[in-house]
Amino acid sequence: MSLSEINQRYLGMRIIFITGLFFLILRLNAQSVAADSLKAQNSDSTTQFISLNADLADVPAAQDKSLGQKVGRGFLCAAVLDVTMLGSLLAMPESVSKWSPDTKFDRTRIKNQYTSTFVNPPHIDHDLWMINYVGHPYQGSIYYNSLRSQGATIVQSSVFSLGQSLIWEYLIEGAMEQPSVQDLFVTPILGTLLGELGHRATLQMKKDGFRWYEKIATCVINPTYVVNNGFKIRKTNL
């Protein structure tokens, strides 16, 4: 059995597994929110603590900006990422990008591909596993934390990540190839899981101030936190 046949046979199982993980983290977050609420009711109002579900209340962006403003800033972060990735793919060899050098800038070919992108259903791609199951989850986590690092909720950040994934697959990458079934699931779902882990890890490192190696780690796992908040610590009574 060829690798492509194995990939197609077990694709459904992978999608079910990824979807299950997504709903599990939403369930765990709901339980955590309930526990935080009970803790807040039983604690002194002057007690200072950092809650993993406080949505970065000690960051001014979380207090002063509307959801629309957060989405606008998140969109700019996502746009910078998309332009960077597009430029990288255009510079990569065909063996990696699967984009023919002769048609990368062919207007007729791009127009025809856009027509196919929106008329025909997504397909199962055969990209390298590193791209599909490492690169795309990381891409989705950056989309997710573009909003989450500004104080948005898990649901708001997940929806934003899904929207940005659709923009990438249909409006950007869709100019060169058919949207990918794997990417449409993996980018927003695994991106949410990976993004929330990065978000919580960032808040844990932030509690006692970022050490030099924690600053490096945050720049890798949660770069949009640094873009939106820097490394300053701001204490607030919650």
Protein backbone atom coordinates (compact mmCIF):
# COMPACT_ATOMS: atom_id res chain seq x y z
CA MET A 1 0.00 0.00 0.00
CA SER A 2 1.42 3.38 -0.99
CA LEU A 3 1.92 6.28 1.41
CA SER A 4 -0.84 8.30 -0.28
CA GLU A 5 -3.31 5.40 0.10
CA ILE A 6 -2.48 5.07 3.80
CA ASN A 7 -2.87 8.82 4.22
CA GLN A 8 -6.34 8.80 2.64
CA ARG A 9 -7.49 5.69 4.55
CA TYR A 10 -6.66 7.11 7.98
CA LEU A 11 -7.52 10.75 7.27
CA GLY A 12 -11.00 10.39 8.75
CA MET A 13 -9.62 8.90 11.97
CA ARG A 14 -7.15 11.78 12.32
CA ILE A 15 -9.87 14.37 11.78
CA ILE A 16 -12.12 12.71 14.41
CA PHE A 17 -9.20 12.58 16.87
CA ILE A 18 -8.31 16.25 16.30
CA THR A 19 -11.96 17.33 16.64
CA GLY A 20 -12.25 15.36 19.89
CA LEU A 21 -9.20 17.11 21.32
CA PHE A 22 -10.68 20.47 20.37
CA PHE A 23 -13.91 19.85 22.27
CA LEU A 24 -11.95 18.42 25.20
CA ILE A 25 -10.01 21.62 25.70
CA LEU A 26 -13.24 23.66 25.52
CA ARG A 27 -14.70 21.40 28.22
CA LEU A 28 -11.63 21.74 30.42
CA ASN A 29 -11.70 25.49 30.00
CA ALA A 30 -15.36 25.63 31.08
CA GLN A 31 -14.49 23.70 34.25
CA SER A 32 -11.54 25.99 34.91
CA VAL A 33 -13.72 29.09 34.51
CA ALA A 34 -16.21 27.68 37.02
CA ALA A 35 -13.40 26.97 39.50
CA ASP A 36 -11.99 30.48 39.08
CA SER A 37 -15.44 31.97 39.67
CA LEU A 38 -15.81 30.04 42.94
CA LYS A 39 -12.33 31.08 44.02
CA ALA A 40 -13.10 34.74 43.35
CA GLN A 41 -16.28 34.58 45.46
CA ASN A 42 -14.44 33.10 48.45
CA SER A 43 -11.32 35.27 48.37
CA ASP A 44 -10.64 38.75 49.69
CA SER A 45 -11.31 41.42 47.07
CA THR A 46 -7.82 42.88 47.51
CA THR A 47 -6.01 39.60 46.84
CA GLN A 48 -3.82 39.73 43.77
CA PHE A 49 -3.63 36.67 41.60
CA ILE A 50 -3.23 35.82 37.95
CA SER A 51 -5.93 33.55 36.60
CA LEU A 52 -5.31 31.47 33.52
CA ASN A 53 -8.81 32.43 32.40
CA ALA A 54 -8.66 36.09 33.40
CA ASP A 55 -8.04 36.92 29.75
CA LEU A 56 -4.98 39.02 30.57
CA ALA A 57 -7.00 41.54 32.58
CA ASP A 58 -3.73 43.18 33.71
CA VAL A 59 -2.91 44.14 30.13
CA PRO A 60 -4.34 47.55 29.09
CA ALA A 61 -5.30 46.16 25.69
CA ALA A 62 -7.68 43.76 27.42
CA GLN A 63 -9.35 46.55 29.38
CA ASP A 64 -9.51 49.46 26.98
CA LYS A 65 -10.13 47.92 23.58
CA SER A 66 -13.37 46.65 22.11
CA LEU A 67 -13.57 43.24 20.47
CA GLY A 68 -13.59 44.96 17.08
CA GLN A 69 -10.33 46.76 17.87
CA LYS A 70 -8.76 43.50 19.03
CA VAL A 71 -9.87 41.76 15.84
CA GLY A 72 -8.42 44.60 13.77
CA ARG A 73 -5.04 44.33 15.52
CA GLY A 74 -5.17 40.54 15.28
CA PHE A 75 -5.89 40.78 11.56
CA LEU A 76 -2.77 42.93 11.06
CA CYS A 77 -0.66 40.34 12.92
CA ALA A 78 -2.17 37.55 10.79
CA ALA A 79 -1.61 39.55 7.59
CA VAL A 80 2.09 39.95 8.38
CA LEU A 81 2.33 36.18 8.96
CA ASP A 82 0.48 35.42 5.72
CA VAL A 83 2.68 37.71 3.63
CA THR A 84 5.80 36.18 5.19
CA MET A 85 4.60 32.63 4.50
CA LEU A 86 3.55 33.48 0.95
CA GLY A 87 6.93 34.99 0.19
CA SER A 88 8.67 31.95 1.70
CA LEU A 89 6.59 29.53 -0.39
CA LEU A 90 7.25 31.47 -3.58
CA ALA A 91 10.98 31.25 -2.87
CA MET A 92 10.93 27.54 -2.05
CA PRO A 93 11.60 24.85 -4.64
CA GLU A 94 8.69 23.06 -6.28
CA SER A 95 9.47 19.88 -4.31
CA VAL A 96 8.37 21.71 -1.14
CA SER A 97 5.72 24.21 -2.29
CA LYS A 98 4.28 22.05 -5.10
CA TRP A 99 4.04 25.28 -7.11
CA SER A 100 5.53 25.18 -10.60
CA PRO A 101 8.08 27.96 -11.25
CA ASP A 102 6.56 28.51 -14.70
CA THR A 103 3.07 29.29 -13.36
CA LYS A 104 3.73 31.13 -10.08
CA PHE A 105 3.11 34.53 -11.67
CA ASP A 106 0.94 33.50 -14.61
CA ARG A 107 -2.25 35.62 -14.39
CA THR A 108 -4.31 33.26 -16.55
CA ARG A 109 -3.29 30.27 -14.48
CA ILE A 110 -4.06 32.11 -11.21
CA LYS A 111 -7.48 33.17 -12.52
CA ASN A 112 -8.31 29.60 -13.55
CA GLN A 113 -7.12 28.27 -10.21
CA TYR A 114 -9.28 30.75 -8.29
CA THR A 115 -12.28 29.54 -10.28
CA SER A 116 -11.46 25.95 -9.37
CA THR A 117 -10.85 26.88 -5.73
CA PHE A 118 -14.36 28.26 -5.27
CA VAL A 119 -16.22 25.88 -7.59
CA ASN A 120 -14.66 22.53 -6.69
CA PRO A 121 -14.43 20.92 -3.23
CA PRO A 122 -11.18 20.80 -1.22
CA HIS A 123 -8.84 17.91 -1.92
CA ILE A 124 -6.51 15.71 0.10
CA ASP A 125 -3.03 17.12 -0.36
CA HIS A 126 0.24 15.21 -0.28
CA ASP A 127 2.48 17.83 1.29
CA LEU A 128 5.31 16.87 3.62
CA TRP A 129 4.03 15.78 7.04
CA MET A 130 6.17 18.51 8.65
CA ILE A 131 4.19 21.11 6.72
CA ASN A 132 0.76 19.60 7.41
CA TYR A 133 1.15 18.55 11.04
CA VAL A 134 3.82 20.90 12.40
CA GLY A 135 3.75 24.00 10.22
CA HIS A 136 -0.03 24.37 9.98
CA PRO A 137 -0.72 23.87 13.71
CA TYR A 138 1.94 26.49 14.46
CA GLN A 139 0.36 28.81 11.90
CA GLY A 140 -3.03 28.31 13.54
CA SER A 141 -1.59 28.97 17.01
CA ILE A 142 -0.27 32.34 15.87
CA TYR A 143 -3.70 33.21 14.43
CA TYR A 144 -5.26 32.12 17.73
CA ASN A 145 -2.91 34.08 19.98
CA SER A 146 -3.16 37.18 17.80
CA LEU A 147 -6.49 37.62 19.58
CA ARG A 148 -6.02 35.60 22.78
CA SER A 149 -2.95 37.64 23.78
CA GLN A 150 -5.17 40.75 23.76
CA GLY A 151 -7.56 39.32 26.32
CA ALA A 152 -10.07 37.58 24.03
CA THR A 153 -11.76 34.37 25.13
CA ILE A 154 -11.01 30.88 23.88
CA VAL A 155 -14.15 30.83 21.72
CA GLN A 156 -13.46 34.25 20.19
CA SER A 157 -9.84 33.32 19.48
CA SER A 158 -10.85 29.94 18.01
CA VAL A 159 -13.35 31.55 15.64
CA PHE A 160 -10.72 34.09 14.61
CA SER A 161 -8.22 31.30 13.90
CA LEU A 162 -10.82 29.47 11.81
CA GLY A 163 -11.57 32.63 9.82
CA GLN A 164 -7.90 33.31 9.16
CA SER A 165 -7.38 29.68 8.12
CA LEU A 166 -10.16 30.03 5.55
CA ILE A 167 -8.63 33.27 4.28
CA TRP A 168 -5.27 31.54 3.85
CA GLU A 169 -6.67 28.44 2.13
CA TYR A 170 -9.12 30.20 -0.20
CA LEU A 171 -7.87 33.72 -0.82
CA ILE A 172 -4.10 33.35 -0.59
CA GLU A 173 -2.99 29.77 -1.17
CA GLY A 174 -6.12 29.23 -3.25
CA ALA A 175 -4.49 31.26 -6.03
CA MET A 176 -1.95 28.49 -6.53
CA GLU A 177 -3.65 25.25 -5.47
CA GLN A 178 -6.90 23.69 -4.35
CA PRO A 179 -7.74 24.11 -0.63
CA SER A 180 -6.59 21.17 1.46
CA VAL A 181 -8.95 19.02 3.54
CA GLN A 182 -6.23 18.37 6.13
CA ASP A 183 -5.29 22.02 6.45
CA LEU A 184 -8.90 23.17 6.89
CA PHE A 185 -9.13 20.96 10.00
CA VAL A 186 -5.58 20.94 11.30
CA THR A 187 -4.82 24.67 11.16
CA PRO A 188 -7.72 25.97 13.31
CA ILE A 189 -8.22 22.94 15.59
CA LEU A 190 -4.66 21.93 16.40
CA GLY A 191 -3.79 25.62 16.21
CA THR A 192 -6.29 26.31 19.02
CA LEU A 193 -4.89 23.49 21.16
CA LEU A 194 -1.28 24.52 20.58
CA GLY A 195 -2.13 28.20 20.93
CA GLU A 196 -3.89 27.76 24.26
CA LEU A 197 -0.98 25.72 25.61
CA GLY A 198 1.36 28.52 24.54
CA HIS A 199 -0.94 31.12 26.09
CA ARG A 200 -1.06 29.36 29.44
CA ALA A 201 2.68 28.69 29.42
CA THR A 202 3.27 32.40 28.76
CA LEU A 203 1.11 33.42 31.74
CA GLN A 204 2.97 30.97 33.98
CA MET A 205 6.35 32.38 32.93
CA LYS A 206 5.03 35.91 33.38
CA LYS A 207 4.03 35.46 37.05
CA ASP A 208 7.51 36.05 38.45
CA GLY A 209 8.82 38.06 35.53
CA PHE A 210 10.32 36.74 32.32
CA ARG A 211 13.85 35.38 32.61
CA TRP A 212 16.05 35.74 29.53
CA TYR A 213 15.46 32.19 28.35
CA GLU A 214 11.71 32.54 28.96
CA LYS A 215 11.70 35.61 26.72
CA ILE A 216 13.28 33.50 23.98
CA ALA A 217 10.74 30.71 24.55
CA THR A 218 7.84 33.18 24.42
CA CYS A 219 9.11 34.67 21.15
CA VAL A 220 9.03 31.15 19.68
CA ILE A 221 5.80 29.70 21.08
CA ASN A 222 3.74 32.89 21.40
CA PRO A 223 5.27 35.72 19.33
CA THR A 224 2.05 37.72 19.10
CA TYR A 225 2.01 38.04 22.90
CA VAL A 226 5.29 39.92 22.62
CA VAL A 227 3.95 42.05 19.75
CA ASN A 228 0.79 42.95 21.69
CA ASN A 229 2.15 43.23 25.24
CA GLY A 230 5.92 43.17 25.39
CA PHE A 231 7.51 41.69 28.53
CA LYS A 232 6.39 44.22 31.13
CA ILE A 233 4.57 43.02 34.25
CA ARG A 234 1.51 45.00 35.34
CA LYS A 235 -0.16 44.11 38.64
CA THR A 236 -3.90 44.65 39.00
CA ASN A 237 -6.45 43.75 41.65
CA LEU A 238 -8.87 41.36 39.98
